[in-house]
Amino acid sequence: MPRYFISTSDKARVHEKEGLVLSGPEELAQVLRQTLATMLHDEDRNKGRTVFTANAHDAYGDPIMNARVTMEARKL
């Protein structure tokens, strides 16, 4: 099974050293969605940020998948 490494727009490295062994693209997409959800909940670290990204690459550093969320909250 492939090993994936994830980096995020808030400069966090998720499983940077060991990577994640996942069954394939569907499981990787789920991990990226969970990573973005965690970032959205971390208000102190991401105050004022509106675009959140999580990127996956393989052991060679080649990009495999990325996920992005844009969040805007405004008073109406």
PDB file of N, CA and C in Angstrom:
ATOM      1  N   MET A   1       0.843  -1.186   0.000  1.00  0.00           N
ATOM      2  CA  MET A   1       0.000   0.000   0.000  1.00  0.00           C
ATOM      3  C   MET A   1       0.883   1.243   0.000  1.00  0.00           C
ATOM      4  N   PRO A   2       0.410   2.294  -0.665  1.00  0.00           N
ATOM      5  CA  PRO A   2       1.221   3.510  -0.771  1.00  0.00           C
ATOM      6  C   PRO A   2       1.334   4.274   0.557  1.00  0.00           C
ATOM      7  N   ARG A   3       2.434   5.012   0.679  1.00  0.00           N
ATOM      8  CA  ARG A   3       2.688   5.863   1.842  1.00  0.00           C
ATOM      9  C   ARG A   3       2.573   7.316   1.383  1.00  0.00           C
ATOM     10  N   TYR A   4       1.820   8.112   2.151  1.00  0.00           N
ATOM     11  CA  TYR A   4       1.574   9.510   1.802  1.00  0.00           C
ATOM     12  C   TYR A   4       2.075  10.428   2.910  1.00  0.00           C
ATOM     13  N   PHE A   5       2.519  11.598   2.516  1.00  0.00           N
ATOM     14  CA  PHE A   5       2.957  12.635   3.438  1.00  0.00           C
ATOM     15  C   PHE A   5       2.100  13.865   3.172  1.00  0.00           C
ATOM     16  N   ILE A   6       1.675  14.546   4.234  1.00  0.00           N
ATOM     17  CA  ILE A   6       0.723  15.649   4.095  1.00  0.00           C
ATOM     18  C   ILE A   6       1.319  16.925   4.676  1.00  0.00           C
ATOM     19  N   SER A   7       1.167  18.015   3.935  1.00  0.00           N
ATOM     20  CA  SER A   7       1.521  19.338   4.442  1.00  0.00           C
ATOM     21  C   SER A   7       0.297  20.234   4.303  1.00  0.00           C
ATOM     22  N   THR A   8       0.272  21.300   5.105  1.00  0.00           N
ATOM     23  CA  THR A   8      -0.897  22.167   5.126  1.00  0.00           C
ATOM     24  C   THR A   8      -0.499  23.630   4.965  1.00  0.00           C
ATOM     25  N   SER A   9      -1.468  24.459   4.622  1.00  0.00           N
ATOM     26  CA  SER A   9      -1.221  25.886   4.407  1.00  0.00           C
ATOM     27  C   SER A   9      -0.882  26.622   5.694  1.00  0.00           C
ATOM     28  N   ASP A  10      -1.147  26.019   6.854  1.00  0.00           N
ATOM     29  CA  ASP A  10      -0.759  26.666   8.111  1.00  0.00           C
ATOM     30  C   ASP A  10       0.604  26.171   8.578  1.00  0.00           C
ATOM     31  N   LYS A  11       1.328  25.569   7.647  1.00  0.00           N
ATOM     32  CA  LYS A  11       2.708  25.124   7.858  1.00  0.00           C
ATOM     33  C   LYS A  11       2.833  23.909   8.768  1.00  0.00           C
ATOM     34  N   ALA A  12       1.740  23.279   9.068  1.00  0.00           N
ATOM     35  CA  ALA A  12       1.810  22.049   9.860  1.00  0.00           C
ATOM     36  C   ALA A  12       2.227  20.909   8.937  1.00  0.00           C
ATOM     37  N   ARG A  13       2.981  20.015   9.460  1.00  0.00           N
ATOM     38  CA  ARG A  13       3.351  18.809   8.710  1.00  0.00           C
ATOM     39  C   ARG A  13       2.682  17.647   9.427  1.00  0.00           C
ATOM     40  N   VAL A  14       1.839  16.959   8.713  1.00  0.00           N
ATOM     41  CA  VAL A  14       1.079  15.861   9.303  1.00  0.00           C
ATOM     42  C   VAL A  14       1.781  14.556   8.954  1.00  0.00           C
ATOM     43  N   HIS A  15       2.187  13.813   9.964  1.00  0.00           N
ATOM     44  CA  HIS A  15       2.890  12.543   9.760  1.00  0.00           C
ATOM     45  C   HIS A  15       4.108  12.747   8.860  1.00  0.00           C
ATOM     46  N   GLU A  16       4.871  13.806   9.140  1.00  0.00           N
ATOM     47  CA  GLU A  16       5.971  14.207   8.268  1.00  0.00           C
ATOM     48  C   GLU A  16       7.053  13.145   8.138  1.00  0.00           C
ATOM     49  N   LYS A  17       7.424  12.505   9.228  1.00  0.00           N
ATOM     50  CA  LYS A  17       8.548  11.572   9.179  1.00  0.00           C
ATOM     51  C   LYS A  17       8.153  10.186   8.706  1.00  0.00           C
ATOM     52  N   GLU A  18       7.069   9.678   9.242  1.00  0.00           N
ATOM     53  CA  GLU A  18       6.703   8.296   8.933  1.00  0.00           C
ATOM     54  C   GLU A  18       5.697   8.161   7.793  1.00  0.00           C
ATOM     55  N   GLY A  19       4.986   9.229   7.498  1.00  0.00           N
ATOM     56  CA  GLY A  19       3.963   9.144   6.458  1.00  0.00           C
ATOM     57  C   GLY A  19       2.778   8.308   6.914  1.00  0.00           C
ATOM     58  N   LEU A  20       1.800   8.232   6.065  1.00  0.00           N
ATOM     59  CA  LEU A  20       0.605   7.427   6.341  1.00  0.00           C
ATOM     60  C   LEU A  20       0.489   6.351   5.277  1.00  0.00           C
ATOM     61  N   VAL A  21       0.300   5.129   5.698  1.00  0.00           N
ATOM     62  CA  VAL A  21       0.065   4.049   4.752  1.00  0.00           C
ATOM     63  C   VAL A  21      -1.442   3.924   4.604  1.00  0.00           C
ATOM     64  N   LEU A  22      -1.925   4.202   3.394  1.00  0.00           N
ATOM     65  CA  LEU A  22      -3.359   4.200   3.132  1.00  0.00           C
ATOM     66  C   LEU A  22      -3.661   3.290   1.955  1.00  0.00           C
ATOM     67  N   SER A  23      -4.897   2.871   1.866  1.00  0.00           N
ATOM     68  CA  SER A  23      -5.291   1.916   0.825  1.00  0.00           C
ATOM     69  C   SER A  23      -5.316   2.529  -0.575  1.00  0.00           C
ATOM     70  N   GLY A  24      -5.470   3.850  -0.675  1.00  0.00           N
ATOM     71  CA  GLY A  24      -5.508   4.462  -1.997  1.00  0.00           C
ATOM     72  C   GLY A  24      -6.136   5.835  -1.980  1.00  0.00           C
ATOM     73  N   PRO A  25      -6.518   6.347  -3.146  1.00  0.00           N
ATOM     74  CA  PRO A  25      -7.007   7.724  -3.276  1.00  0.00           C
ATOM     75  C   PRO A  25      -8.248   8.049  -2.464  1.00  0.00           C
ATOM     76  N   GLU A  26      -9.169   7.131  -2.322  1.00  0.00           N
ATOM     77  CA  GLU A  26     -10.392   7.432  -1.562  1.00  0.00           C
ATOM     78  C   GLU A  26     -10.084   7.649  -0.088  1.00  0.00           C
ATOM     79  N   GLU A  27      -9.230   6.801   0.465  1.00  0.00           N
ATOM     80  CA  GLU A  27      -8.860   6.970   1.869  1.00  0.00           C
ATOM     81  C   GLU A  27      -8.013   8.235   2.050  1.00  0.00           C
ATOM     82  N   LEU A  28      -7.152   8.532   1.092  1.00  0.00           N
ATOM     83  CA  LEU A  28      -6.356   9.752   1.156  1.00  0.00           C
ATOM     84  C   LEU A  28      -7.260  10.987   1.128  1.00  0.00           C
ATOM     85  N   ALA A  29      -8.260  11.001   0.270  1.00  0.00           N
ATOM     86  CA  ALA A  29      -9.194  12.128   0.200  1.00  0.00           C
ATOM     87  C   ALA A  29      -9.896  12.330   1.541  1.00  0.00           C
ATOM     88  N   GLN A  30     -10.267  11.240   2.199  1.00  0.00           N
ATOM     89  CA  GLN A  30     -10.910  11.331   3.513  1.00  0.00           C
ATOM     90  C   GLN A  30      -9.957  11.948   4.542  1.00  0.00           C
ATOM     91  N   VAL A  31      -8.711  11.543   4.528  1.00  0.00           N
ATOM     92  CA  VAL A  31      -7.724  12.097   5.462  1.00  0.00           C
ATOM     93  C   VAL A  31      -7.532  13.596   5.193  1.00  0.00           C
ATOM     94  N   LEU A  32      -7.477  13.991   3.935  1.00  0.00           N
ATOM     95  CA  LEU A  32      -7.330  15.415   3.618  1.00  0.00           C
ATOM     96  C   LEU A  32      -8.547  16.211   4.082  1.00  0.00           C
ATOM     97  N   ARG A  33      -9.745  15.666   3.916  1.00  0.00           N
ATOM     98  CA  ARG A  33     -10.959  16.347   4.409  1.00  0.00           C
ATOM     99  C   ARG A  33     -10.914  16.493   5.923  1.00  0.00           C
ATOM    100  N   GLN A  34     -10.496  15.454   6.623  1.00  0.00           N
ATOM    101  CA  GLN A  34     -10.399  15.524   8.086  1.00  0.00           C
ATOM    102  C   GLN A  34      -9.355  16.552   8.512  1.00  0.00           C
ATOM    103  N   THR A  35      -8.255  16.613   7.778  1.00  0.00           N
ATOM    104  CA  THR A  35      -7.203  17.587   8.078  1.00  0.00           C
ATOM    105  C   THR A  35      -7.735  19.010   7.923  1.00  0.00           C
ATOM    106  N   LEU A  36      -8.481  19.266   6.849  1.00  0.00           N
ATOM    107  CA  LEU A  36      -9.068  20.595   6.651  1.00  0.00           C
ATOM    108  C   LEU A  36     -10.069  20.933   7.745  1.00  0.00           C
ATOM    109  N   ALA A  37     -10.870  19.972   8.148  1.00  0.00           N
ATOM    110  CA  ALA A  37     -11.844  20.211   9.223  1.00  0.00           C
ATOM    111  C   ALA A  37     -11.133  20.584  10.519  1.00  0.00           C
ATOM    112  N   THR A  38     -10.037  19.931  10.813  1.00  0.00           N
ATOM    113  CA  THR A  38      -9.255  20.254  12.009  1.00  0.00           C
ATOM    114  C   THR A  38      -8.697  21.666  11.910  1.00  0.00           C
ATOM    115  N   MET A  39      -8.210  22.032  10.734  1.00  0.00           N
ATOM    116  CA  MET A  39      -7.680  23.384  10.547  1.00  0.00           C
ATOM    117  C   MET A  39      -8.760  24.433  10.753  1.00  0.00           C
ATOM    118  N   LEU A  40      -9.956  24.197  10.253  1.00  0.00           N
ATOM    119  CA  LEU A  40     -11.051  25.155  10.404  1.00  0.00           C
ATOM    120  C   LEU A  40     -11.427  25.349  11.872  1.00  0.00           C
ATOM    121  N   HIS A  41     -11.241  24.322  12.688  1.00  0.00           N
ATOM    122  CA  HIS A  41     -11.581  24.416  14.103  1.00  0.00           C
ATOM    123  C   HIS A  41     -10.486  25.087  14.937  1.00  0.00           C
ATOM    124  N   ASP A  42      -9.306  25.245  14.400  1.00  0.00           N
ATOM    125  CA  ASP A  42      -8.184  25.826  15.133  1.00  0.00           C
ATOM    126  C   ASP A  42      -8.177  27.343  14.928  1.00  0.00           C
ATOM    127  N   GLU A  43      -9.112  28.021  15.581  1.00  0.00           N
ATOM    128  CA  GLU A  43      -9.322  29.454  15.368  1.00  0.00           C
ATOM    129  C   GLU A  43      -8.112  30.303  15.735  1.00  0.00           C
ATOM    130  N   ASP A  44      -7.452  29.985  16.849  1.00  0.00           N
ATOM    131  CA  ASP A  44      -6.322  30.809  17.289  1.00  0.00           C
ATOM    132  C   ASP A  44      -5.182  30.791  16.272  1.00  0.00           C
ATOM    133  N   ARG A  45      -4.889  29.641  15.744  1.00  0.00           N
ATOM    134  CA  ARG A  45      -3.779  29.508  14.800  1.00  0.00           C
ATOM    135  C   ARG A  45      -4.115  30.099  13.421  1.00  0.00           C
ATOM    136  N   ASN A  46      -5.373  30.090  13.052  1.00  0.00           N
ATOM    137  CA  ASN A  46      -5.769  30.473  11.701  1.00  0.00           C
ATOM    138  C   ASN A  46      -6.630  31.723  11.641  1.00  0.00           C
ATOM    139  N   LYS A  47      -6.530  32.568  12.636  1.00  0.00           N
ATOM    140  CA  LYS A  47      -7.338  33.785  12.686  1.00  0.00           C
ATOM    141  C   LYS A  47      -7.083  34.643  11.447  1.00  0.00           C
ATOM    142  N   GLY A  48      -8.150  35.022  10.773  1.00  0.00           N
ATOM    143  CA  GLY A  48      -8.045  35.864   9.600  1.00  0.00           C
ATOM    144  C   GLY A  48      -7.789  35.117   8.302  1.00  0.00           C
ATOM    145  N   ARG A  49      -7.500  33.853   8.369  1.00  0.00           N
ATOM    146  CA  ARG A  49      -7.236  33.061   7.160  1.00  0.00           C
ATOM    147  C   ARG A  49      -8.552  32.665   6.519  1.00  0.00           C
ATOM    148  N   THR A  50      -8.621  32.738   5.206  1.00  0.00           N
ATOM    149  CA  THR A  50      -9.855  32.359   4.522  1.00  0.00           C
ATOM    150  C   THR A  50      -9.682  31.154   3.598  1.00  0.00           C
ATOM    151  N   VAL A  51      -8.440  30.853   3.200  1.00  0.00           N
ATOM    152  CA  VAL A  51      -8.178  29.713   2.330  1.00  0.00           C
ATOM    153  C   VAL A  51      -7.328  28.705   3.083  1.00  0.00           C
ATOM    154  N   PHE A  52      -7.770  27.466   3.094  1.00  0.00           N
ATOM    155  CA  PHE A  52      -7.082  26.388   3.786  1.00  0.00           C
ATOM    156  C   PHE A  52      -6.758  25.289   2.776  1.00  0.00           C
ATOM    157  N   THR A  53      -5.526  24.802   2.790  1.00  0.00           N
ATOM    158  CA  THR A  53      -5.154  23.731   1.866  1.00  0.00           C
ATOM    159  C   THR A  53      -4.433  22.618   2.608  1.00  0.00           C
ATOM    160  N   ALA A  54      -4.603  21.417   2.100  1.00  0.00           N
ATOM    161  CA  ALA A  54      -3.870  20.244   2.570  1.00  0.00           C
ATOM    162  C   ALA A  54      -3.391  19.511   1.326  1.00  0.00           C
ATOM    163  N   ASN A  55      -2.105  19.232   1.281  1.00  0.00           N
ATOM    164  CA  ASN A  55      -1.494  18.625   0.100  1.00  0.00           C
ATOM    165  C   ASN A  55      -0.833  17.298   0.472  1.00  0.00           C
ATOM    166  N   ALA A  56      -0.995  16.319  -0.379  1.00  0.00           N
ATOM    167  CA  ALA A  56      -0.380  15.015  -0.159  1.00  0.00           C
ATOM    168  C   ALA A  56       0.670  14.773  -1.223  1.00  0.00           C
ATOM    169  N   HIS A  57       1.797  14.215  -0.800  1.00  0.00           N
ATOM    170  CA  HIS A  57       2.834  13.829  -1.749  1.00  0.00           C
ATOM    171  C   HIS A  57       3.377  12.455  -1.367  1.00  0.00           C
ATOM    172  N   ASP A  58       4.066  11.844  -2.299  1.00  0.00           N
ATOM    173  CA  ASP A  58       4.617  10.518  -2.029  1.00  0.00           C
ATOM    174  C   ASP A  58       6.018  10.639  -1.427  1.00  0.00           C
ATOM    175  N   ALA A  59       6.665   9.514  -1.209  1.00  0.00           N
ATOM    176  CA  ALA A  59       7.980   9.489  -0.568  1.00  0.00           C
ATOM    177  C   ALA A  59       9.047  10.211  -1.390  1.00  0.00           C
ATOM    178  N   TYR A  60       8.806  10.397  -2.682  1.00  0.00           N
ATOM    179  CA  TYR A  60       9.751  11.100  -3.551  1.00  0.00           C
ATOM    180  C   TYR A  60       9.476  12.598  -3.605  1.00  0.00           C
ATOM    181  N   GLY A  61       8.397  13.033  -2.932  1.00  0.00           N
ATOM    182  CA  GLY A  61       8.022  14.441  -2.938  1.00  0.00           C
ATOM    183  C   GLY A  61       7.125  14.833  -4.089  1.00  0.00           C
ATOM    184  N   ASP A  62       6.715  13.858  -4.888  1.00  0.00           N
ATOM    185  CA  ASP A  62       5.820  14.143  -6.009  1.00  0.00           C
ATOM    186  C   ASP A  62       4.398  14.378  -5.518  1.00  0.00           C
ATOM    187  N   PRO A  63       3.736  15.449  -5.978  1.00  0.00           N
ATOM    188  CA  PRO A  63       2.367  15.723  -5.538  1.00  0.00           C
ATOM    189  C   PRO A  63       1.409  14.629  -5.998  1.00  0.00           C
ATOM    190  N   ILE A  64       0.508  14.251  -5.094  1.00  0.00           N
ATOM    191  CA  ILE A  64      -0.468  13.201  -5.373  1.00  0.00           C
ATOM    192  C   ILE A  64      -1.885  13.762  -5.383  1.00  0.00           C
ATOM    193  N   MET A  65      -2.215  14.579  -4.380  1.00  0.00           N
ATOM    194  CA  MET A  65      -3.582  15.095  -4.258  1.00  0.00           C
ATOM    195  C   MET A  65      -3.538  16.350  -3.402  1.00  0.00           C
ATOM    196  N   ASN A  66      -4.437  17.286  -3.691  1.00  0.00           N
ATOM    197  CA  ASN A  66      -4.579  18.432  -2.797  1.00  0.00           C
ATOM    198  C   ASN A  66      -6.064  18.696  -2.564  1.00  0.00           C
ATOM    199  N   ALA A  67      -6.313  19.320  -1.434  1.00  0.00           N
ATOM    200  CA  ALA A  67      -7.680  19.677  -1.059  1.00  0.00           C
ATOM    201  C   ALA A  67      -7.656  21.128  -0.588  1.00  0.00           C
ATOM    202  N   ARG A  68      -8.726  21.832  -0.875  1.00  0.00           N
ATOM    203  CA  ARG A  68      -8.779  23.256  -0.546  1.00  0.00           C
ATOM    204  C   ARG A  68     -10.186  23.629  -0.108  1.00  0.00           C
ATOM    205  N   VAL A  69     -10.249  24.507   0.881  1.00  0.00           N
ATOM    206  CA  VAL A  69     -11.527  25.013   1.361  1.00  0.00           C
ATOM    207  C   VAL A  69     -11.381  26.523   1.520  1.00  0.00           C
ATOM    208  N   THR A  70     -12.387  27.252   1.083  1.00  0.00           N
ATOM    209  CA  THR A  70     -12.418  28.694   1.297  1.00  0.00           C
ATOM    210  C   THR A  70     -13.551  28.976   2.276  1.00  0.00           C
ATOM    211  N   MET A  71     -13.222  29.729   3.316  1.00  0.00           N
ATOM    212  CA  MET A  71     -14.188  29.985   4.381  1.00  0.00           C
ATOM    213  C   MET A  71     -14.347  31.479   4.555  1.00  0.00           C
ATOM    214  N   GLU A  72     -15.581  31.930   4.556  1.00  0.00           N
ATOM    215  CA  GLU A  72     -15.858  33.334   4.790  1.00  0.00           C
ATOM    216  C   GLU A  72     -17.063  33.428   5.707  1.00  0.00           C
ATOM    217  N   ALA A  73     -16.897  34.189   6.766  1.00  0.00           N
ATOM    218  CA  ALA A  73     -18.019  34.441   7.666  1.00  0.00           C
ATOM    219  C   ALA A  73     -18.136  35.966   7.777  1.00  0.00           C
ATOM    220  N   ARG A  74     -19.325  36.460   7.486  1.00  0.00           N
ATOM    221  CA  ARG A  74     -19.520  37.909   7.550  1.00  0.00           C
ATOM    222  C   ARG A  74     -20.895  38.212   8.092  1.00  0.00           C
ATOM    223  N   LYS A  75     -20.956  39.331   8.732  1.00  0.00           N
ATOM    224  CA  LYS A  75     -22.210  39.787   9.301  1.00  0.00           C
ATOM    225  C   LYS A  75     -23.113  40.292   8.180  1.00  0.00           C
ATOM    226  N   LEU A  76     -24.360  39.907   8.191  1.00  0.00           N
ATOM    227  CA  LEU A  76     -25.314  40.352   7.171  1.00  0.00           C
ATOM    228  C   LEU A  76     -26.156  41.496   7.690  1.00  0.00           C
TER     229      LEU A  76
END
